[in-house]
Amino acid sequence: MTPEEFRKAGYEVVDWIADYLARTRDYPVLPDMSPGDLAARLPQSAPESGEPMERILDDYRKLVVPAVTHWNHPNFYAYFSVSGSPPGILGEMLAAALNVNGMLWKSCPAATELEQVTLGWLRQWMGLPEEFFGVIHDTASANTLHSIAAARELAEPEAHATGGSGRLTLYTSEQAHSSVEKGAIVAGIGQKNVRKIPVDDAFRLRADVLGKLIEEDLAAGKKPFCVVATAGTTSTTSVDPLEEMAGIAAQYGLWLHVDAAYGGPVSILPEFRRLFAGLERADSIVTNPHKWMFTPLDCSVLYTRRPDILKRAFSLVPEYLKTAEDSQAVNLMDYGVSLGRRFRALKLWFVMRYYGREGVCRILRQHIAWAQELRAAIQADPRFEICAPTPFSVVCFRLQASDAENQSLMDRVNRTGKIFMSHTALHGRIVLRLAIGNIGTTREDVMEAWELVRKTAG
């Protein structure tokens, strides 16, 4: 492809992106299709000869886009809403053009040093002490695995070579994300050695039960080694009692990991800092700028006060990766499983510089305020009930009817293509979730979404 051909196609792509961001509401959030529909419309073999970009882009518009679930849609309220903001998209484009591998400092000094500086900025915004070292990986699931592996390294350094004693025990909330159990499985802890702690009426881990279970496991010959708290649970966005859990972890010498993948950005807001008291005592923290800080997927940040332990758990340097700068430089490959590392910090740097702390705080406050307004509107309708506290921007509610009727209501709403929301289970009942978080969402969008749910309920 010549520079002229690239420029022509590139202008066309950028124009399409700009139009898409301006008119995302014109698309149905969910595509009207069945499994296999797109595959049936695509050739079963790759072309023998190259095809012109005009044809490829035309097929993108005609075949791919109609099959997309539009996560970047202002009316995407399922799971945790995400945003690919314009500055983040531009940063992603430039990262793709550079196409560096930031495994070593020498392999790309810019990728390594910009990542450290940018994560220093974010650490300051979150009010974390300077001792926290940050590194970017793809997702919170990977960062939770890394944290569990570091906790194992601290508790049983010999596990590096032997696989460990098999007595290690991990503690987390019954509302914790499934990635905690997956991380324990992959790290060799075993699912049966994950203790799920019950929660209180606000779906927060019960610290009193945590302490009791640790004592029981010690008496039974187990080896407690790690506690995973959540600051913004997936189902309800509840925040576990971090200060109490930090005290218990310190008392028993356990690694404390905090999953703040969703809730972490809220700690930037001074008025919400109280909910995160104790976060600064964690050994590791994960937060996802690709969830609620307007950075395109994927960009998940792992902070740790114990980078030496994290490095000890993962550093394995063959001769072909040794450099003369190793004793002075930070080589980010030493702090995780992946050797290849994309230049993810570039897009986060773009986002933080473009919006600034003030801009990020303004958008977060709006989302939280609209969630409270939505909660009040739902409470005013006697057909519905609120099913959990609303600390941040996710509202959990249900029709006062059977699970089947709630499932039907959600399905009918989603089939309209106007909005997309998801569900969870609380106290054994189906509960609908409406998660506000896209940078393009407005108050009017949220109220119209509620009106659609209300009218669909009949």
Protein backbone atom coordinates (compact mmCIF):
# COMPACT_ATOMS: atom_id res chain seq x y z
CA MET A 1 0.00 0.00 0.00
CA THR A 2 1.50 3.32 -1.02
CA PRO A 3 1.39 6.33 1.29
CA GLU A 4 -1.18 7.89 -1.04
CA GLU A 5 -3.41 4.81 -0.89
CA PHE A 6 -3.08 4.70 2.87
CA ARG A 7 -3.91 8.39 3.20
CA LYS A 8 -7.03 8.03 1.05
CA ALA A 9 -8.29 4.98 2.98
CA GLY A 10 -7.26 6.54 6.29
CA TYR A 11 -9.29 9.70 5.63
CA GLU A 12 -12.26 7.51 4.79
CA VAL A 13 -11.87 5.53 8.02
CA VAL A 14 -11.51 8.66 10.16
CA ASP A 15 -14.54 10.21 8.48
CA TRP A 16 -16.52 7.04 9.21
CA ILE A 17 -15.39 7.07 12.87
CA ALA A 18 -16.30 10.74 13.28
CA ASP A 19 -19.74 10.15 11.77
CA TYR A 20 -20.22 7.03 13.90
CA LEU A 21 -19.43 8.87 17.13
CA ALA A 22 -21.76 11.72 16.13
CA ARG A 23 -24.66 9.44 15.16
CA THR A 24 -24.26 6.30 17.27
CA ARG A 25 -27.88 6.61 18.38
CA ASP A 26 -28.94 5.85 14.80
CA TYR A 27 -27.80 2.24 15.31
CA PRO A 28 -29.70 -0.41 17.24
CA VAL A 29 -27.67 -1.22 20.35
CA LEU A 30 -28.22 -4.95 19.79
CA PRO A 31 -28.13 -6.42 16.26
CA ASP A 32 -31.21 -8.26 15.02
CA MET A 33 -29.57 -11.55 14.12
CA SER A 34 -29.13 -15.18 15.13
CA PRO A 35 -25.92 -17.13 15.80
CA GLY A 36 -24.17 -17.92 12.53
CA ASP A 37 -25.86 -15.21 10.46
CA LEU A 38 -22.69 -13.23 9.76
CA ALA A 39 -20.53 -16.32 9.24
CA ALA A 40 -22.99 -17.53 6.60
CA ARG A 41 -22.54 -14.28 4.67
CA LEU A 42 -18.75 -14.41 4.66
CA PRO A 43 -16.54 -16.47 2.32
CA GLN A 44 -15.36 -19.73 3.84
CA SER A 45 -11.82 -19.22 2.50
CA ALA A 46 -9.51 -16.23 2.43
CA PRO A 47 -8.88 -14.61 -0.98
CA GLU A 48 -6.03 -15.90 -3.10
CA SER A 49 -5.36 -12.44 -4.49
CA GLY A 50 -5.46 -9.18 -2.59
CA GLU A 51 -8.59 -7.05 -2.70
CA PRO A 52 -8.89 -3.25 -2.89
CA MET A 53 -9.54 -1.29 0.29
CA GLU A 54 -12.74 0.11 -1.22
CA ARG A 55 -14.26 -3.37 -1.29
CA ILE A 56 -12.99 -4.25 2.20
CA LEU A 57 -14.41 -1.07 3.72
CA ASP A 58 -17.67 -1.58 1.88
CA ASP A 59 -18.01 -5.08 3.36
CA TYR A 60 -17.13 -3.66 6.76
CA ARG A 61 -20.04 -1.24 6.50
CA LYS A 62 -22.51 -3.69 4.96
CA LEU A 63 -21.64 -6.93 6.78
CA VAL A 64 -19.69 -6.26 9.96
CA VAL A 65 -21.35 -3.15 11.38
CA PRO A 66 -24.91 -4.58 11.24
CA ALA A 67 -23.66 -7.53 13.33
CA VAL A 68 -22.08 -5.36 16.04
CA THR A 69 -23.38 -4.97 19.58
CA HIS A 70 -22.57 -1.30 20.04
CA TRP A 71 -20.73 -1.04 23.36
CA ASN A 72 -19.85 2.55 22.47
CA HIS A 73 -23.56 3.45 22.25
CA PRO A 74 -24.97 6.01 24.74
CA ASN A 75 -27.84 3.58 25.43
CA PHE A 76 -25.62 0.61 26.24
CA TYR A 77 -26.49 -0.08 29.90
CA ALA A 78 -25.53 -3.76 30.18
CA TYR A 79 -22.67 -5.27 32.21
CA PHE A 80 -20.45 -2.23 32.84
CA SER A 81 -20.82 0.43 30.20
CA VAL A 82 -17.58 1.44 28.47
CA SER A 83 -16.40 4.31 26.29
CA GLY A 84 -14.01 4.70 23.42
CA SER A 85 -13.65 8.47 23.64
CA PRO A 86 -12.32 10.49 20.70
CA PRO A 87 -8.91 11.27 22.27
CA GLY A 88 -8.57 7.65 23.34
CA ILE A 89 -9.36 6.44 19.83
CA LEU A 90 -6.72 8.77 18.39
CA GLY A 91 -4.18 7.45 20.89
CA GLU A 92 -5.09 3.89 19.91
CA MET A 93 -4.61 4.72 16.23
CA LEU A 94 -1.14 6.10 16.85
CA ALA A 95 -0.20 3.13 19.04
CA ALA A 96 -1.23 0.82 16.19
CA ALA A 97 0.88 2.81 13.74
CA LEU A 98 3.98 2.65 15.95
CA ASN A 99 3.30 -1.03 16.68
CA VAL A 100 5.98 -1.29 19.35
CA ASN A 101 6.55 -4.09 21.84
CA GLY A 102 7.27 -2.55 25.24
CA MET A 103 8.60 -5.74 26.83
CA LEU A 104 11.95 -4.16 27.74
CA TRP A 105 12.96 -0.58 28.37
CA LYS A 106 15.35 -0.90 25.43
CA SER A 107 12.68 -2.36 23.15
CA CYS A 108 10.80 0.95 23.46
CA PRO A 109 11.83 3.54 26.07
CA ALA A 110 8.77 5.66 25.25
CA ALA A 111 6.33 2.83 26.02
CA THR A 112 7.99 2.05 29.36
CA GLU A 113 8.52 5.58 30.62
CA LEU A 114 5.22 7.03 29.43
CA GLU A 115 3.43 4.15 31.16
CA GLN A 116 5.22 4.87 34.44
CA VAL A 117 4.54 8.61 34.26
CA THR A 118 0.89 8.20 33.25
CA LEU A 119 0.22 5.68 36.01
CA GLY A 120 1.91 8.05 38.43
CA TRP A 121 -0.65 10.68 37.41
CA LEU A 122 -3.53 8.25 37.91
CA ARG A 123 -2.12 7.16 41.27
CA GLN A 124 -2.09 10.79 42.38
CA TRP A 125 -5.69 11.29 41.21
CA MET A 126 -6.76 8.22 43.21
CA GLY A 127 -5.00 9.46 46.34
CA LEU A 128 -2.64 6.49 46.60
CA PRO A 129 0.80 6.78 48.22
CA GLU A 130 3.90 7.18 46.06
CA GLU A 131 5.12 3.71 47.00
CA PHE A 132 2.56 2.12 44.63
CA PHE A 133 4.15 0.85 41.42
CA GLY A 134 1.89 0.59 38.38
CA VAL A 135 1.81 -1.57 35.28
CA ILE A 136 -0.79 -1.94 32.51
CA HIS A 137 -2.11 -5.31 31.34
CA ASP A 138 -5.14 -6.17 29.23
CA THR A 139 -7.93 -6.94 31.72
CA ALA A 140 -8.75 -7.09 35.42
CA SER A 141 -8.90 -10.87 35.19
CA ALA A 142 -5.22 -10.95 34.23
CA ASN A 143 -4.30 -8.46 36.95
CA THR A 144 -6.17 -10.40 39.61
CA LEU A 145 -4.29 -13.53 38.52
CA HIS A 146 -1.01 -11.63 38.77
CA SER A 147 -1.91 -10.45 42.26
CA ILE A 148 -2.83 -13.94 43.45
CA ALA A 149 0.44 -15.27 42.03
CA ALA A 150 2.36 -12.53 43.88
CA ALA A 151 0.53 -13.41 47.09
CA ARG A 152 1.47 -17.05 46.57
CA GLU A 153 5.09 -16.05 45.98
CA LEU A 154 5.15 -14.18 49.29
CA ALA A 155 3.53 -17.04 51.21
CA GLU A 156 5.37 -19.95 49.58
CA PRO A 157 8.42 -18.87 47.54
CA GLU A 158 9.20 -22.54 46.92
CA ALA A 159 5.94 -22.85 44.94
CA HIS A 160 7.88 -21.35 42.04
CA ALA A 161 9.66 -24.66 41.64
CA THR A 162 7.55 -27.23 43.47
CA GLY A 163 3.97 -26.11 42.91
CA GLY A 164 3.41 -25.38 46.58
CA SER A 165 2.03 -27.18 49.59
CA GLY A 166 -1.61 -27.36 48.52
CA ARG A 167 -2.61 -25.76 51.83
CA LEU A 168 -2.92 -22.17 50.61
CA THR A 169 -6.36 -20.66 51.17
CA LEU A 170 -7.84 -17.54 49.61
CA TYR A 171 -10.78 -15.48 50.92
CA THR A 172 -13.21 -13.31 48.98
CA SER A 173 -16.83 -12.23 48.94
CA GLU A 174 -19.62 -14.37 47.53
CA GLN A 175 -20.28 -11.28 45.36
CA ALA A 176 -16.70 -11.20 44.01
CA HIS A 177 -16.09 -11.43 40.29
CA SER A 178 -15.55 -14.89 38.82
CA SER A 179 -12.00 -13.86 37.86
CA VAL A 180 -10.96 -14.38 41.49
CA GLU A 181 -11.82 -18.08 41.33
CA LYS A 182 -10.33 -18.37 37.86
CA GLY A 183 -7.13 -16.76 39.10
CA ALA A 184 -6.94 -19.21 41.97
CA ILE A 185 -7.44 -22.11 39.58
CA VAL A 186 -4.74 -20.94 37.18
CA ALA A 187 -2.31 -20.12 40.01
CA GLY A 188 -2.64 -23.68 41.30
CA ILE A 189 -4.49 -22.76 44.48
CA GLY A 190 -7.54 -24.76 43.48
CA GLN A 191 -11.18 -23.74 43.47
CA LYS A 192 -11.86 -25.76 46.62
CA ASN A 193 -9.39 -23.55 48.51
CA VAL A 194 -11.34 -20.37 47.75
CA ARG A 195 -13.51 -19.37 50.71
CA LYS A 196 -16.56 -17.32 49.72
CA ILE A 197 -17.56 -15.01 52.57
CA PRO A 198 -21.24 -14.09 52.98
CA VAL A 199 -22.35 -10.47 52.64
CA ASP A 200 -24.47 -8.05 54.65
CA ASP A 201 -27.72 -6.38 53.59
CA ALA A 202 -25.75 -3.97 51.39
CA PHE A 203 -23.93 -6.88 49.67
CA ARG A 204 -20.61 -6.06 51.37
CA LEU A 205 -18.32 -8.78 52.67
CA ARG A 206 -18.84 -9.53 56.37
CA ALA A 207 -15.49 -8.91 58.02
CA ASP A 208 -16.55 -10.72 61.20
CA VAL A 209 -17.09 -13.93 59.25
CA LEU A 210 -13.77 -13.44 57.44
CA GLY A 211 -11.84 -13.39 60.71
CA LYS A 212 -13.70 -16.43 62.02
CA LEU A 213 -13.04 -18.50 58.88
CA ILE A 214 -9.34 -17.64 58.92
CA GLU A 215 -9.11 -18.91 62.52
CA GLU A 216 -10.96 -22.11 61.61
CA ASP A 217 -8.68 -22.76 58.63
CA LEU A 218 -5.55 -22.17 60.68
CA ALA A 219 -6.81 -24.67 63.25
CA ALA A 220 -7.47 -27.18 60.46
CA GLY A 221 -3.90 -26.93 59.15
CA LYS A 222 -4.67 -24.68 56.20
CA LYS A 223 -2.44 -21.75 55.21
CA PRO A 224 -4.40 -18.53 54.66
CA PHE A 225 -2.42 -16.32 52.28
CA CYS A 226 -4.65 -13.87 50.38
CA VAL A 227 -7.79 -11.79 50.82
CA VAL A 228 -9.54 -10.25 47.80
CA ALA A 229 -11.82 -7.29 48.46
CA THR A 230 -14.03 -5.59 45.88
CA ALA A 231 -14.58 -1.85 45.50
CA GLY A 232 -17.57 -1.87 43.17
CA THR A 233 -18.92 -5.40 42.85
CA THR A 234 -20.17 -6.56 39.47
CA SER A 235 -23.76 -7.22 40.50
CA THR A 236 -24.45 -4.22 42.75
CA THR A 237 -21.28 -2.04 42.81
CA SER A 238 -21.06 -2.41 46.59
CA VAL A 239 -17.76 -1.62 48.29
CA ASP A 240 -16.41 -4.13 50.80
CA PRO A 241 -15.21 -2.80 54.20
CA LEU A 242 -11.67 -2.14 53.02
CA GLU A 243 -10.34 -0.71 56.28
CA GLU A 244 -11.55 -3.68 58.33
CA MET A 245 -10.27 -6.15 55.77
CA ALA A 246 -6.89 -4.42 55.68
CA GLY A 247 -6.69 -4.77 59.45
CA ILE A 248 -7.49 -8.48 59.29
CA ALA A 249 -5.01 -9.04 56.47
CA ALA A 250 -2.30 -7.28 58.48
CA GLN A 251 -3.16 -9.25 61.63
CA TYR A 252 -2.66 -12.59 59.89
CA GLY A 253 0.05 -11.53 57.45
CA LEU A 254 -2.11 -12.01 54.35
CA TRP A 255 -1.81 -10.29 50.97
CA LEU A 256 -4.74 -7.90 50.40
CA HIS A 257 -5.81 -7.44 46.79
CA VAL A 258 -8.58 -4.96 45.93
CA ASP A 259 -10.63 -5.40 42.76
CA ALA A 260 -11.55 -1.81 41.91
CA ALA A 261 -11.89 -2.52 38.20
CA TYR A 262 -15.17 -0.61 38.00
CA GLY A 263 -15.18 1.52 41.15
CA GLY A 264 -11.59 2.72 41.11
CA PRO A 265 -12.18 5.92 39.11
CA VAL A 266 -14.73 7.07 41.72
CA SER A 267 -11.88 7.39 44.22
CA ILE A 268 -10.80 10.40 42.15
CA LEU A 269 -13.85 12.27 43.51
CA PRO A 270 -13.01 13.81 46.91
CA GLU A 271 -16.58 13.42 48.17
CA PHE A 272 -16.43 9.64 47.64
CA ARG A 273 -12.94 9.06 49.03
CA ARG A 274 -14.42 7.92 52.36
CA LEU A 275 -15.80 4.78 50.69
CA PHE A 276 -12.25 3.83 49.73
CA ALA A 277 -10.69 4.24 53.18
CA GLY A 278 -8.20 1.41 53.52
CA LEU A 279 -7.45 1.18 49.80
CA GLU A 280 -4.03 2.67 50.45
CA ARG A 281 -3.23 -0.31 52.71
CA ALA A 282 -3.76 -2.89 49.97
CA ASP A 283 -0.83 -4.88 48.63
CA SER A 284 -2.29 -4.72 45.12
CA ILE A 285 -5.14 -2.92 43.37
CA VAL A 286 -6.66 -3.31 39.93
CA THR A 287 -8.62 -0.55 38.21
CA ASN A 288 -9.79 -0.40 34.59
CA PRO A 289 -9.62 2.92 32.73
CA HIS A 290 -11.37 1.05 29.90
CA LYS A 291 -14.49 0.76 32.08
CA TRP A 292 -15.28 4.18 33.48
CA MET A 293 -12.43 6.43 32.41
CA PHE A 294 -13.25 6.65 28.71
CA THR A 295 -10.22 4.73 27.43
CA PRO A 296 -10.75 2.20 24.60
CA LEU A 297 -10.45 -1.48 25.43
CA ASP A 298 -8.16 -2.86 26.64
CA CYS A 299 -6.40 -0.99 29.44
CA SER A 300 -6.31 -2.43 32.97
CA VAL A 301 -3.96 -1.00 35.62
CA LEU A 302 -2.33 -3.03 38.37
CA TYR A 303 -0.84 -1.15 41.31
CA THR A 304 1.23 -2.82 44.02
CA ARG A 305 3.13 -1.73 47.11
CA ARG A 306 5.25 -4.86 46.67
CA PRO A 307 6.71 -4.67 43.16
CA ASP A 308 9.67 -6.73 44.37
CA ILE A 309 7.36 -9.66 45.13
CA LEU A 310 5.46 -9.26 41.85
CA LYS A 311 8.75 -9.26 39.97
CA ARG A 312 10.00 -12.27 41.91
CA ALA A 313 6.85 -14.15 40.89
CA PHE A 314 7.20 -13.47 37.16
CA SER A 315 10.74 -12.48 36.21
CA LEU A 316 12.41 -15.07 34.02
CA VAL A 317 15.03 -13.60 31.71
CA PRO A 318 16.67 -15.77 29.03
CA GLU A 319 19.97 -14.66 27.53
CA TYR A 320 18.34 -13.27 24.38
CA LEU A 321 16.35 -10.76 26.46
CA LYS A 322 19.23 -9.47 28.60
CA THR A 323 20.38 -5.90 27.98
CA ALA A 324 23.15 -3.68 29.30
CA GLU A 325 20.53 -1.41 30.87
CA ASP A 326 18.88 -4.13 33.00
CA SER A 327 20.30 -2.93 36.31
CA GLN A 328 18.99 0.63 35.87
CA ALA A 329 15.90 0.23 33.71
CA VAL A 330 12.37 -0.95 34.42
CA ASN A 331 11.59 -3.90 32.16
CA LEU A 332 7.82 -4.31 32.30
CA MET A 333 7.92 -7.91 31.06
CA ASP A 334 9.18 -8.79 34.57
CA TYR A 335 5.82 -7.93 36.14
CA GLY A 336 3.44 -10.33 34.42
CA VAL A 337 2.90 -13.35 32.21
CA SER A 338 2.96 -11.56 28.86
CA LEU A 339 6.17 -10.87 27.05
CA GLY A 340 4.56 -8.86 24.27
CA ARG A 341 3.20 -5.53 25.52
CA ARG A 342 1.16 -3.07 23.48
CA PHE A 343 1.64 0.67 23.92
CA ARG A 344 -1.59 0.94 25.97
CA ALA A 345 -0.39 3.91 28.01
CA LEU A 346 -0.54 6.18 24.97
CA LYS A 347 -4.34 6.20 24.77
CA LEU A 348 -4.71 6.66 28.55
CA TRP A 349 -2.23 9.56 28.37
CA PHE A 350 -4.33 11.13 25.61
CA VAL A 351 -7.52 10.76 27.66
CA MET A 352 -6.06 12.15 30.89
CA ARG A 353 -4.54 15.12 29.11
CA TYR A 354 -7.61 15.93 27.00
CA TYR A 355 -10.20 15.81 29.78
CA GLY A 356 -8.03 16.57 32.78
CA ARG A 357 -9.02 15.66 36.30
CA GLU A 358 -11.77 18.27 36.29
CA GLY A 359 -13.37 16.89 33.13
CA VAL A 360 -13.25 13.28 34.31
CA CYS A 361 -14.76 14.25 37.68
CA ARG A 362 -17.55 16.22 36.00
CA ILE A 363 -18.62 13.25 33.87
CA LEU A 364 -18.45 10.78 36.76
CA ARG A 365 -20.56 13.07 38.94
CA GLN A 366 -23.17 13.36 36.21
CA HIS A 367 -23.44 9.59 35.81
CA ILE A 368 -23.79 9.09 39.57
CA ALA A 369 -26.43 11.84 39.83
CA TRP A 370 -28.48 10.37 36.96
CA ALA A 371 -28.37 6.96 38.63
CA GLN A 372 -29.85 8.49 41.79
CA GLU A 373 -32.55 10.20 39.75
CA LEU A 374 -33.35 6.93 37.99
CA ARG A 375 -33.50 5.13 41.33
CA ALA A 376 -36.01 7.66 42.63
CA ALA A 377 -38.16 7.30 39.50
CA ILE A 378 -38.21 3.51 39.87
CA GLN A 379 -39.13 3.79 43.54
CA ALA A 380 -42.06 6.02 42.60
CA ASP A 381 -43.58 3.25 40.46
CA PRO A 382 -45.36 0.73 42.74
CA ARG A 383 -44.93 -2.06 40.16
CA PHE A 384 -41.15 -2.06 40.67
CA GLU A 385 -38.76 -2.44 43.58
CA ILE A 386 -35.15 -1.40 44.16
CA CYS A 387 -33.05 -4.44 45.02
CA ALA A 388 -29.70 -3.03 46.16
CA PRO A 389 -28.05 0.21 47.24
CA THR A 390 -26.91 2.53 44.46
CA PRO A 391 -23.51 3.82 45.58
CA PHE A 392 -22.33 4.69 42.08
CA SER A 393 -23.94 4.48 38.61
CA VAL A 394 -25.62 1.05 38.49
CA VAL A 395 -29.28 0.69 39.49
CA CYS A 396 -30.56 -2.79 40.43
CA PHE A 397 -34.33 -3.22 40.28
CA ARG A 398 -37.04 -5.66 39.34
CA LEU A 399 -40.69 -5.88 38.48
CA GLN A 400 -42.63 -7.13 41.50
CA ALA A 401 -43.43 -10.33 39.67
CA SER A 402 -41.91 -13.70 38.87
CA ASP A 403 -38.39 -14.26 37.56
CA ALA A 404 -39.87 -15.35 34.25
CA GLU A 405 -41.76 -12.06 33.91
CA ASN A 406 -38.62 -10.06 34.73
CA GLN A 407 -36.61 -12.02 32.19
CA SER A 408 -39.34 -11.48 29.62
CA LEU A 409 -39.42 -7.75 30.35
CA MET A 410 -35.67 -7.44 29.84
CA ASP A 411 -35.75 -9.47 26.63
CA ARG A 412 -38.59 -7.42 25.18
CA VAL A 413 -36.84 -4.15 26.02
CA ASN A 414 -33.57 -5.34 24.50
CA ARG A 415 -35.29 -6.58 21.34
CA THR A 416 -36.38 -3.03 20.55
CA GLY A 417 -32.73 -2.23 19.81
CA LYS A 418 -33.18 1.11 21.60
CA ILE A 419 -31.30 0.13 24.75
CA PHE A 420 -29.39 -2.86 26.07
CA MET A 421 -29.39 -3.85 29.74
CA SER A 422 -28.43 -7.02 31.59
CA HIS A 423 -29.38 -8.88 34.75
CA THR A 424 -27.94 -10.57 37.81
CA ALA A 425 -29.22 -12.73 40.66
CA LEU A 426 -29.63 -11.42 44.20
CA HIS A 427 -31.07 -13.51 47.02
CA GLY A 428 -31.95 -16.12 44.40
CA ARG A 429 -34.07 -13.77 42.31
CA ILE A 430 -33.55 -12.29 38.84
CA VAL A 431 -32.69 -8.60 39.12
CA LEU A 432 -32.38 -6.13 36.23
CA ARG A 433 -29.29 -3.90 36.05
CA LEU A 434 -29.05 -0.56 34.32
CA ALA A 435 -25.41 0.59 34.26
CA ILE A 436 -24.65 4.19 33.28
CA GLY A 437 -21.10 4.83 32.12
CA ASN A 438 -20.76 5.78 28.45
CA ILE A 439 -19.23 9.20 27.87
CA GLY A 440 -21.95 10.06 25.35
CA THR A 441 -24.90 9.21 27.61
CA THR A 442 -27.14 12.12 28.65
CA ARG A 443 -29.76 12.54 31.35
CA GLU A 444 -32.40 12.40 28.63
CA ASP A 445 -31.05 9.03 27.47
CA VAL A 446 -31.36 7.61 30.97
CA MET A 447 -34.89 8.91 31.51
CA GLU A 448 -35.99 7.65 28.08
CA ALA A 449 -34.54 4.24 28.92
CA TRP A 450 -36.64 4.13 32.08
CA GLU A 451 -39.72 5.24 30.14
CA LEU A 452 -39.16 2.38 27.68
CA VAL A 453 -38.87 -0.13 30.53
CA ARG A 454 -41.95 1.31 32.23
CA LYS A 455 -44.10 1.20 29.08
CA THR A 456 -42.88 -2.26 28.08
CA ALA A 457 -43.95 -3.54 31.50
CA GLY A 458 -47.51 -2.60 30.52
